[in-house]
C-alpha atoms as a PDB file:
ATOM      1  CA  MET A   1      49.991 -15.287  36.497  1.00  0.00           C
ATOM      2  CA  GLY A   2      46.567 -16.323  37.720  1.00  0.00           C
ATOM      3  CA  THR A   3      43.248 -16.160  35.882  1.00  0.00           C
ATOM      4  CA  THR A   4      39.887 -15.197  37.257  1.00  0.00           C
ATOM      5  CA  PRO A   5      37.218 -17.891  37.661  1.00  0.00           C
ATOM      6  CA  SER A   6      34.887 -15.997  35.314  1.00  0.00           C
ATOM      7  CA  VAL A   7      37.310 -16.497  32.412  1.00  0.00           C
ATOM      8  CA  VAL A   8      37.754 -20.192  33.041  1.00  0.00           C
ATOM      9  CA  ARG A   9      34.106 -20.971  33.617  1.00  0.00           C
ATOM     10  CA  TYR A  10      32.526 -18.664  31.044  1.00  0.00           C
ATOM     11  CA  LYS A  11      30.260 -20.377  28.558  1.00  0.00           C
ATOM     12  CA  PRO A  12      28.766 -18.324  25.716  1.00  0.00           C
ATOM     13  CA  ARG A  13      25.011 -18.172  25.626  1.00  0.00           C
ATOM     14  CA  PRO A  14      23.837 -17.677  22.042  1.00  0.00           C
ATOM     15  CA  LYS A  15      20.649 -15.660  21.689  1.00  0.00           C
ATOM     16  CA  ASP A  16      17.503 -17.519  20.835  1.00  0.00           C
ATOM     17  CA  ASP A  17      16.606 -16.665  17.233  1.00  0.00           C
ATOM     18  CA  GLU A  18      13.320 -18.549  17.239  1.00  0.00           C
ATOM     19  CA  PRO A  19      11.008 -15.594  18.141  1.00  0.00           C
ATOM     20  CA  VAL A  20      12.435 -13.571  15.253  1.00  0.00           C
ATOM     21  CA  ARG A  21      12.336 -16.568  12.911  1.00  0.00           C
ATOM     22  CA  ALA A  22       8.723 -17.275  13.802  1.00  0.00           C
ATOM     23  CA  GLN A  23       7.672 -13.691  13.124  1.00  0.00           C
ATOM     24  CA  LEU A  24       9.628 -13.521   9.857  1.00  0.00           C
ATOM     25  CA  ARG A  25       8.106 -16.813   8.773  1.00  0.00           C
ATOM     26  CA  GLN A  26       4.611 -15.510   9.519  1.00  0.00           C
ATOM     27  CA  MET A  27       5.199 -12.264   7.615  1.00  0.00           C
ATOM     28  CA  ALA A  28       6.642 -14.168   4.656  1.00  0.00           C
ATOM     29  CA  ASP A  29       3.557 -16.400   4.594  1.00  0.00           C
ATOM     30  CA  MET A  30       1.081 -13.535   4.942  1.00  0.00           C
ATOM     31  CA  HIS A  31       2.891 -10.941   2.788  1.00  0.00           C
ATOM     32  CA  GLY A  32       4.941 -12.735   0.171  1.00  0.00           C
ATOM     33  CA  ARG A  33       6.191  -9.576  -1.558  1.00  0.00           C
ATOM     34  CA  TRP A  34       7.560  -7.828   1.525  1.00  0.00           C
ATOM     35  CA  GLY A  35      11.331  -7.424   1.402  1.00  0.00           C
ATOM     36  CA  PHE A  36      13.859  -7.297   4.217  1.00  0.00           C
ATOM     37  CA  TRP A  37      13.525  -3.658   5.235  1.00  0.00           C
ATOM     38  CA  MET A  38       9.749  -3.809   5.261  1.00  0.00           C
ATOM     39  CA  MET A  39       9.864  -6.879   7.506  1.00  0.00           C
ATOM     40  CA  TYR A  40      12.542  -5.329   9.721  1.00  0.00           C
ATOM     41  CA  HIS A  41      10.562  -2.153  10.355  1.00  0.00           C
ATOM     42  CA  ARG A  42       7.449  -4.201  10.985  1.00  0.00           C
ATOM     43  CA  LEU A  43       9.419  -6.164  13.611  1.00  0.00           C
ATOM     44  CA  ARG A  44      10.404  -2.882  15.249  1.00  0.00           C
ATOM     45  CA  ALA A  45       6.760  -1.851  15.325  1.00  0.00           C
ATOM     46  CA  LEU A  46       6.031  -5.151  17.084  1.00  0.00           C
ATOM     47  CA  ASN A  47       8.612  -4.253  19.784  1.00  0.00           C
ATOM     48  CA  PHE A  48      11.432  -6.538  18.604  1.00  0.00           C
ATOM     49  CA  ARG A  49      14.687  -4.784  19.497  1.00  0.00           C
ATOM     50  CA  ASP A  50      17.118  -6.933  17.479  1.00  0.00           C
ATOM     51  CA  ASN A  51      19.393  -4.831  15.268  1.00  0.00           C
ATOM     52  CA  ASN A  52      19.195  -4.968  11.485  1.00  0.00           C
ATOM     53  CA  LYS A  53      22.411  -7.030  11.120  1.00  0.00           C
ATOM     54  CA  ARG A  54      21.084  -9.847  13.283  1.00  0.00           C
ATOM     55  CA  VAL A  55      17.684  -9.803  11.632  1.00  0.00           C
ATOM     56  CA  TYR A  56      19.302  -9.831   8.174  1.00  0.00           C
ATOM     57  CA  ARG A  57      21.434 -12.832   9.127  1.00  0.00           C
ATOM     58  CA  ILE A  58      18.320 -14.729  10.173  1.00  0.00           C
ATOM     59  CA  TYR A  59      16.471 -13.461   7.095  1.00  0.00           C
ATOM     60  CA  THR A  60      19.111 -14.804   4.695  1.00  0.00           C
ATOM     61  CA  GLU A  61      19.498 -18.079   6.601  1.00  0.00           C
ATOM     62  CA  MET A  62      15.773 -18.637   6.072  1.00  0.00           C
ATOM     63  CA  GLY A  63      16.151 -18.006   2.330  1.00  0.00           C
ATOM     64  CA  LEU A  64      13.661 -15.152   2.262  1.00  0.00           C
ATOM     65  CA  ASN A  65      15.634 -12.934  -0.119  1.00  0.00           C
ATOM     66  CA  LEU A  66      13.525 -11.562  -2.945  1.00  0.00           C
ATOM     67  CA  ARG A  67      15.039 -11.859  -6.402  1.00  0.00           C
ATOM     68  CA  ARG A  68      15.087  -8.542  -8.200  1.00  0.00           C
ATOM     69  CA  LYS A  69      14.568  -8.236 -11.929  1.00  0.00           C
ATOM     70  CA  TYR A  70      16.832  -5.651 -13.504  1.00  0.00           C
ATOM     71  CA  LYS A  71      16.337  -4.185 -16.933  1.00  0.00           C
ATOM     72  CA  LYS A  72      17.916  -1.414 -18.895  1.00  0.00           C
ATOM     73  CA  ARG A  73      16.059   1.853 -18.393  1.00  0.00           C
ATOM     74  CA  LEU A  74      16.183   4.638 -20.938  1.00  0.00           C
ATOM     75  CA  PRO A  75      16.468   8.211 -19.619  1.00  0.00           C
ATOM     76  CA  LEU A  76      13.225  10.160 -19.516  1.00  0.00           C
ATOM     77  CA  ARG A  77      13.127  13.055 -21.956  1.00  0.00           C
ATOM     78  CA  VAL A  78      10.572  15.085 -20.012  1.00  0.00           C
ATOM     79  CA  ARG A  79       9.916  14.581 -16.328  1.00  0.00           C
ATOM     80  CA  GLU A  80       7.563  16.711 -14.285  1.00  0.00           C
ATOM     81  CA  PRO A  81       8.337  16.349 -10.567  1.00  0.00           C
ATOM     82  CA  LEU A  82       5.738  14.829  -8.293  1.00  0.00           C
ATOM     83  CA  VAL A  83       5.489  17.082  -5.261  1.00  0.00           C
ATOM     84  CA  GLN A  84       4.144  15.511  -2.098  1.00  0.00           C
ATOM     85  CA  PRO A  85       1.191  17.572  -0.795  1.00  0.00           C
ATOM     86  CA  LEU A  86       1.552  19.341   2.554  1.00  0.00           C
ATOM     87  CA  HIS A  87      -1.515  17.679   4.041  1.00  0.00           C
ATOM     88  CA  HIS A  88      -4.283  15.238   3.205  1.00  0.00           C
ATOM     89  CA  ASN A  89      -7.071  15.917   0.695  1.00  0.00           C
ATOM     90  CA  LEU A  90      -4.930  18.284  -1.356  1.00  0.00           C
ATOM     91  CA  THR A  91      -4.297  15.833  -4.217  1.00  0.00           C
ATOM     92  CA  TRP A  92      -5.756  12.414  -4.927  1.00  0.00           C
ATOM     93  CA  SER A  93      -4.524  10.148  -7.712  1.00  0.00           C
ATOM     94  CA  MET A  94      -6.764   7.735  -9.618  1.00  0.00           C
ATOM     95  CA  ASP A  95      -6.178   4.944 -12.109  1.00  0.00           C
ATOM     96  CA  PHE A  96      -7.468   1.575 -13.342  1.00  0.00           C
ATOM     97  CA  VAL A  97      -5.945  -1.911 -13.093  1.00  0.00           C
ATOM     98  CA  HIS A  98      -7.043  -4.873 -15.226  1.00  0.00           C
ATOM     99  CA  ASP A  99      -7.153  -8.555 -14.271  1.00  0.00           C
ATOM    100  CA  GLY A 100      -9.231 -11.676 -14.880  1.00  0.00           C
ATOM    101  CA  LEU A 101     -11.098 -14.480 -13.127  1.00  0.00           C
ATOM    102  CA  LEU A 102     -10.226 -18.164 -13.425  1.00  0.00           C
ATOM    103  CA  GLN A 103     -12.820 -18.786 -16.133  1.00  0.00           C
ATOM    104  CA  GLY A 104     -11.365 -15.982 -18.259  1.00  0.00           C
ATOM    105  CA  ARG A 105     -13.829 -13.210 -17.441  1.00  0.00           C
ATOM    106  CA  THR A 106     -11.999  -9.890 -17.162  1.00  0.00           C
ATOM    107  CA  PHE A 107     -12.551  -7.245 -14.512  1.00  0.00           C
ATOM    108  CA  ARG A 108     -11.157  -3.843 -13.589  1.00  0.00           C
ATOM    109  CA  ALA A 109     -10.183  -2.160 -10.338  1.00  0.00           C
ATOM    110  CA  PHE A 110     -10.666   1.596  -9.894  1.00  0.00           C
ATOM    111  CA  ASN A 111      -7.994   2.764  -7.426  1.00  0.00           C
ATOM    112  CA  VAL A 112      -7.925   6.045  -5.510  1.00  0.00           C
ATOM    113  CA  ILE A 113      -5.137   7.137  -3.139  1.00  0.00           C
ATOM    114  CA  ASP A 114      -4.271  10.298  -1.217  1.00  0.00           C
ATOM    115  CA  ASP A 115      -0.863  11.508  -2.422  1.00  0.00           C
ATOM    116  CA  PHE A 116       0.034  12.974   0.992  1.00  0.00           C
ATOM    117  CA  ASN A 117       0.294   9.687   2.900  1.00  0.00           C
ATOM    118  CA  ARG A 118      -0.283   7.189   0.037  1.00  0.00           C
ATOM    119  CA  GLU A 119      -3.420   6.002   1.809  1.00  0.00           C
ATOM    120  CA  ALA A 120      -5.630   3.649  -0.185  1.00  0.00           C
ATOM    121  CA  LEU A 121      -8.979   5.439  -0.132  1.00  0.00           C
ATOM    122  CA  SER A 122     -10.964   3.164  -2.402  1.00  0.00           C
ATOM    123  CA  ILE A 123     -10.644   0.170  -4.712  1.00  0.00           C
ATOM    124  CA  ALA A 124     -13.833  -0.558  -6.639  1.00  0.00           C
ATOM    125  CA  ILE A 125     -13.893  -3.852  -8.541  1.00  0.00           C
ATOM    126  CA  ASP A 126     -16.344  -4.696 -11.339  1.00  0.00           C
ATOM    127  CA  THR A 127     -16.524  -5.846 -14.939  1.00  0.00           C
ATOM    128  CA  SER A 128     -17.616  -2.388 -16.079  1.00  0.00           C
ATOM    129  CA  LEU A 129     -16.475   0.895 -14.554  1.00  0.00           C
ATOM    130  CA  THR A 130     -17.837   3.839 -16.520  1.00  0.00           C
ATOM    131  CA  SER A 131     -17.441   7.550 -15.879  1.00  0.00           C
ATOM    132  CA  GLN A 132     -20.787   7.507 -14.067  1.00  0.00           C
ATOM    133  CA  ARG A 133     -19.509   4.745 -11.772  1.00  0.00           C
ATOM    134  CA  VAL A 134     -16.353   6.772 -11.130  1.00  0.00           C
ATOM    135  CA  VAL A 135     -18.500   9.703 -10.024  1.00  0.00           C
ATOM    136  CA  ARG A 136     -20.564   7.479  -7.705  1.00  0.00           C
ATOM    137  CA  GLU A 137     -17.394   6.140  -6.067  1.00  0.00           C
ATOM    138  CA  LEU A 138     -16.107   9.688  -5.582  1.00  0.00           C
ATOM    139  CA  ASP A 139     -19.424  10.662  -3.998  1.00  0.00           C
ATOM    140  CA  LYS A 140     -19.020   7.800  -1.505  1.00  0.00           C
ATOM    141  CA  LEU A 141     -15.505   8.953  -0.684  1.00  0.00           C
ATOM    142  CA  ALA A 142     -16.536  12.585  -0.267  1.00  0.00           C
ATOM    143  CA  GLU A 143     -19.153  11.598   2.322  1.00  0.00           C
ATOM    144  CA  TRP A 144     -16.552  10.455   4.860  1.00  0.00           C
ATOM    145  CA  ARG A 145     -13.236  11.840   3.608  1.00  0.00           C
ATOM    146  CA  GLY A 146     -14.205  15.186   2.128  1.00  0.00           C
ATOM    147  CA  ARG A 147     -13.362  16.433  -1.344  1.00  0.00           C
ATOM    148  CA  PRO A 148      -9.820  16.841  -2.683  1.00  0.00           C
ATOM    149  CA  GLU A 149      -8.572  20.124  -4.058  1.00  0.00           C
ATOM    150  CA  GLN A 150      -7.009  18.308  -7.041  1.00  0.00           C
ATOM    151  CA  LEU A 151      -7.436  14.998  -8.885  1.00  0.00           C
ATOM    152  CA  ARG A 152      -4.447  13.659 -10.848  1.00  0.00           C
ATOM    153  CA  VAL A 153      -5.507  11.331 -13.690  1.00  0.00           C
ATOM    154  CA  ASP A 154      -4.415  10.059 -17.087  1.00  0.00           C
ATOM    155  CA  ASN A 155      -6.284  10.638 -20.345  1.00  0.00           C
ATOM    156  CA  GLY A 156      -8.539   7.584 -20.203  1.00  0.00           C
ATOM    157  CA  PRO A 157     -12.130   7.897 -21.485  1.00  0.00           C
ATOM    158  CA  GLU A 158     -13.591   7.688 -17.968  1.00  0.00           C
ATOM    159  CA  PHE A 159     -11.508  10.673 -16.830  1.00  0.00           C
ATOM    160  CA  ILE A 160     -11.954  12.972 -19.825  1.00  0.00           C
ATOM    161  CA  ALA A 161     -15.722  12.441 -19.769  1.00  0.00           C
ATOM    162  CA  GLN A 162     -18.047  15.318 -18.999  1.00  0.00           C
ATOM    163  CA  ALA A 163     -19.436  13.471 -15.970  1.00  0.00           C
ATOM    164  CA  LEU A 164     -16.152  13.827 -14.068  1.00  0.00           C
ATOM    165  CA  ARG A 165     -15.751  17.461 -15.124  1.00  0.00           C
ATOM    166  CA  ASP A 166     -19.238  18.185 -13.805  1.00  0.00           C
ATOM    167  CA  TRP A 167     -18.425  16.490 -10.494  1.00  0.00           C
ATOM    168  CA  CYS A 168     -15.272  18.543 -10.078  1.00  0.00           C
ATOM    169  CA  GLY A 169     -16.890  21.824 -11.060  1.00  0.00           C
ATOM    170  CA  GLU A 170     -15.031  24.761  -9.523  1.00  0.00           C
ATOM    171  CA  ARG A 171     -14.257  22.988  -6.243  1.00  0.00           C
ATOM    172  CA  THR A 172     -11.773  20.388  -7.520  1.00  0.00           C
ATOM    173  CA  LYS A 173      -9.118  20.878 -10.183  1.00  0.00           C
ATOM    174  CA  LEU A 174      -8.432  18.115 -12.701  1.00  0.00           C
ATOM    175  CA  LEU A 175      -4.728  17.493 -13.360  1.00  0.00           C
ATOM    176  CA  PHE A 176      -4.184  15.516 -16.576  1.00  0.00           C
ATOM    177  CA  ILE A 177      -0.774  13.935 -17.131  1.00  0.00           C
ATOM    178  CA  GLN A 178       0.803  14.028 -20.577  1.00  0.00           C
ATOM    179  CA  LYS A 179      -0.132  11.200 -22.912  1.00  0.00           C
ATOM    180  CA  GLY A 180       2.252   8.269 -22.797  1.00  0.00           C
ATOM    181  CA  LYS A 181       3.959   9.497 -19.598  1.00  0.00           C
ATOM    182  CA  PRO A 182       2.559   7.401 -16.713  1.00  0.00           C
ATOM    183  CA  HIS A 183       5.547   8.358 -14.523  1.00  0.00           C
ATOM    184  CA  GLN A 184       3.889  11.749 -14.082  1.00  0.00           C
ATOM    185  CA  ASN A 185       1.291   9.886 -12.039  1.00  0.00           C
ATOM    186  CA  GLY A 186       3.965   7.965 -10.172  1.00  0.00           C
ATOM    187  CA  TYR A 187       2.251   7.628  -6.791  1.00  0.00           C
ATOM    188  CA  ILE A 188      -0.727   5.693  -8.150  1.00  0.00           C
ATOM    189  CA  GLU A 189       1.466   3.720 -10.564  1.00  0.00           C
ATOM    190  CA  ARG A 190       3.576   2.504  -7.632  1.00  0.00           C
ATOM    191  CA  PHE A 191       0.421   1.672  -5.710  1.00  0.00           C
ATOM    192  CA  ASN A 192      -0.951  -0.280  -8.682  1.00  0.00           C
ATOM    193  CA  ARG A 193       2.230  -2.352  -8.802  1.00  0.00           C
ATOM    194  CA  THR A 194       2.012  -3.150  -5.079  1.00  0.00           C
ATOM    195  CA  PHE A 195      -1.671  -4.064  -5.390  1.00  0.00           C
ATOM    196  CA  ARG A 196      -0.922  -6.364  -8.318  1.00  0.00           C
ATOM    197  CA  GLU A 197       2.048  -8.081  -6.658  1.00  0.00           C
ATOM    198  CA  GLU A 198       0.419  -8.559  -3.255  1.00  0.00           C
ATOM    199  CA  VAL A 199      -3.160  -9.359  -4.306  1.00  0.00           C
ATOM    200  CA  LEU A 200      -3.898  -9.883  -8.005  1.00  0.00           C
ATOM    201  CA  ASP A 201      -0.807 -12.003  -8.713  1.00  0.00           C
ATOM    202  CA  LEU A 202      -1.186 -13.928  -5.453  1.00  0.00           C
ATOM    203  CA  PHE A 203      -4.693 -15.294  -5.991  1.00  0.00           C
ATOM    204  CA  ALA A 204      -6.689 -16.857  -8.803  1.00  0.00           C
ATOM    205  CA  PHE A 205     -10.210 -15.580  -8.162  1.00  0.00           C
ATOM    206  CA  GLU A 206     -13.301 -17.523  -9.133  1.00  0.00           C
ATOM    207  CA  SER A 207     -15.721 -14.616  -8.600  1.00  0.00           C
ATOM    208  CA  LEU A 208     -15.821 -10.861  -8.199  1.00  0.00           C
ATOM    209  CA  ASN A 209     -16.904 -11.285  -4.585  1.00  0.00           C
ATOM    210  CA  GLN A 210     -13.707 -13.199  -3.836  1.00  0.00           C
ATOM    211  CA  ALA A 211     -11.633 -10.441  -5.443  1.00  0.00           C
ATOM    212  CA  ARG A 212     -13.500  -7.768  -3.462  1.00  0.00           C
ATOM    213  CA  ALA A 213     -13.119  -9.634  -0.154  1.00  0.00           C
ATOM    214  CA  ALA A 214      -9.366 -10.118  -0.593  1.00  0.00           C
ATOM    215  CA  THR A 215      -8.911  -6.518  -1.736  1.00  0.00           C
ATOM    216  CA  TYR A 216     -10.875  -5.042   1.174  1.00  0.00           C
ATOM    217  CA  ALA A 217      -8.873  -7.072   3.690  1.00  0.00           C
ATOM    218  CA  TRP A 218      -5.563  -6.152   2.028  1.00  0.00           C
ATOM    219  CA  MET A 219      -6.419  -2.443   2.106  1.00  0.00           C
ATOM    220  CA  TRP A 220      -6.573  -2.546   5.903  1.00  0.00           C
ATOM    221  CA  VAL A 221      -3.127  -4.170   6.079  1.00  0.00           C
ATOM    222  CA  TYR A 222      -1.737  -1.681   3.545  1.00  0.00           C
ATOM    223  CA  ASN A 223      -3.037   1.364   5.427  1.00  0.00           C
ATOM    224  CA  ASN A 224      -2.437   0.218   8.998  1.00  0.00           C
ATOM    225  CA  GLU A 225       0.367  -2.375   9.093  1.00  0.00           C
ATOM    226  CA  ARG A 226       2.509  -2.326   5.974  1.00  0.00           C
ATOM    227  CA  PRO A 227       5.583  -0.047   6.415  1.00  0.00           C
ATOM    228  CA  HIS A 228       6.022   2.351   3.492  1.00  0.00           C
ATOM    229  CA  SER A 229       9.623   3.055   2.485  1.00  0.00           C
ATOM    230  CA  SER A 230       8.935   6.557   1.106  1.00  0.00           C
ATOM    231  CA  LEU A 231       7.147   7.486   4.355  1.00  0.00           C
ATOM    232  CA  GLY A 232      10.149   6.678   6.521  1.00  0.00           C
ATOM    233  CA  TYR A 233       8.797   3.148   7.034  1.00  0.00           C
ATOM    234  CA  LEU A 234       5.651   4.454   8.694  1.00  0.00           C
ATOM    235  CA  THR A 235       2.265   3.147   7.636  1.00  0.00           C
ATOM    236  CA  PRO A 236      -0.062   5.585   5.824  1.00  0.00           C
ATOM    237  CA  ALA A 237      -2.210   5.832   8.963  1.00  0.00           C
ATOM    238  CA  GLN A 238       0.810   6.546  11.188  1.00  0.00           C
ATOM    239  CA  PHE A 239       2.173   9.155   8.759  1.00  0.00           C
ATOM    240  CA  LEU A 240      -1.170  10.960   8.642  1.00  0.00           C
ATOM    241  CA  LEU A 241      -1.449  11.108  12.435  1.00  0.00           C
ATOM    242  CA  LYS A 242       2.176  12.195  12.875  1.00  0.00           C
ATOM    243  CA  TYR A 243       2.521  14.822  10.150  1.00  0.00           C
ATOM    244  CA  GLY A 244      -0.980  15.599   8.920  1.00  0.00           C
ATOM    245  CA  LYS A 245      -1.518  18.623  11.187  1.00  0.00           C
ATOM    246  CA  LEU A 246       1.837  20.358  10.602  1.00  0.00           C
ATOM    247  CA  HIS A 247       0.735  22.315   7.526  1.00  0.00           C
ATOM    248  CA  HIS A 248      -3.026  21.877   7.699  1.00  0.00           C
ATOM    249  CA  PRO A 249      -5.031  25.148   7.637  1.00  0.00           C
ATOM    250  CA  GLN A 250      -6.868  24.043  10.800  1.00  0.00           C
ATOM    251  CA  GLY A 251      -3.616  23.139  12.550  1.00  0.00           C
ATOM    252  CA  ALA A 252      -4.039  21.130  15.747  1.00  0.00           C
ATOM    253  CA  ASN A 253      -7.817  21.229  15.311  1.00  0.00           C
ATOM    254  CA  ALA A 254      -7.701  19.205  12.104  1.00  0.00           C
ATOM    255  CA  GLU A 255      -9.570  15.914  12.230  1.00  0.00           C
ATOM    256  CA  PHE A 256      -8.691  12.845  10.210  1.00  0.00           C
ATOM    257  CA  THR A 257     -11.073  10.203   8.945  1.00  0.00           C
ATOM    258  CA  THR A 258      -9.169   7.219   7.639  1.00  0.00           C
ATOM    259  CA  PHE A 259     -10.275   4.090   5.848  1.00  0.00           C
ATOM    260  CA  GLN A 260     -11.359   1.022   7.802  1.00  0.00           C
ATOM    261  CA  GLN A 261     -11.029   1.445  11.537  1.00  0.00           C
ATOM    262  CA  ASP A 262     -12.164  -2.160  12.104  1.00  0.00           C
ATOM    263  CA  SER A 263      -9.068  -4.262  12.798  1.00  0.00           C
ATOM    264  CA  SER A 264     -10.969  -7.451  11.953  1.00  0.00           C
ATOM    265  CA  SER A 265      -9.980  -6.797   8.330  1.00  0.00           C
ATOM    266  CA  ASP A 266      -6.439  -7.821   9.294  1.00  0.00           C
ATOM    267  CA  SER A 267      -7.763 -11.145  10.538  1.00  0.00           C
ATOM    268  CA  ASN A 268      -9.683 -11.557   7.301  1.00  0.00           C
ATOM    269  CA  TRP A 269      -6.441 -11.109   5.310  1.00  0.00           C
ATOM    270  CA  ASN A 270      -4.633 -13.688   7.427  1.00  0.00           C
ATOM    271  CA  PHE A 271      -7.546 -16.071   6.976  1.00  0.00           C
ATOM    272  CA  ILE A 272      -7.620 -15.520   3.206  1.00  0.00           C
ATOM    273  CA  VAL A 273      -3.873 -16.140   2.808  1.00  0.00           C
ATOM    274  CA  SER A 274      -3.986 -19.186   5.094  1.00  0.00           C
ATOM    275  CA  ASN A 275      -6.815 -20.635   2.999  1.00  0.00           C
ATOM    276  CA  VAL A 276      -5.587 -19.551  -0.410  1.00  0.00           C
ATOM    277  CA  THR A 277      -6.921 -22.694  -2.046  1.00  0.00           C
ATOM    278  CA  ASN A 278     -10.413 -21.690  -1.000  1.00  0.00           C
ATOM    279  CA  VAL A 279     -10.021 -18.194  -2.446  1.00  0.00           C
ATOM    280  CA  GLY A 280      -8.653 -19.056  -5.842  1.00  0.00           C
END
């Protein structure tokens, strides 16, 4: 029985993994807390067509696996469901995050997101953030984003103050979560964790200006490049453009104004991470 020349002469040609390795290495350097699926969907957005099994093989060979910390979780006694709004500017969530500079001086970050697409609308950083400052930041947001129909907040002194009630008036409803139940404000709590892991825990800031610069640059990456698992691995900007008009009262005529259209912020983030010793 004879054999065909193609069988005798065939030599396997393994695929070149280097383009995928190079991109994974760059993402790991720039975004240290991104896991496999976030990197994989980012690769797809960058027009890499390698399937998830091949990418995962390369990912594990490079030792990029993130170690997960597991702990025993007690069942929640009362849980009010978080319902995703049907379109943007229906519900915003707000909260504070605490951190400190190298010399020990503490500062706070006032975070605001849109619950519909998890878009980071504002992060104000300062040593003192009073109820009056909260109102000023909301005024800035309302100028370009419009006002939300609802604000979901905890029972902190800045949020129960009369200044915020006056700002809301009859146009915006204040939604207070129950005391001691931060899970009822789960969208902003998850955002706070991401912000801490990818910015506050990554750098040791010497000044507030350094913290603001890194935060502003990271917000652009978060809104425009970082795939979001609960949004079907779309970015907040992509999710808004794809689904924002489906249930909007203005329908196809709805217009969206999103944070930071200047893509140079992405370059700033890459520069900051590449020169981390100069930032912290």
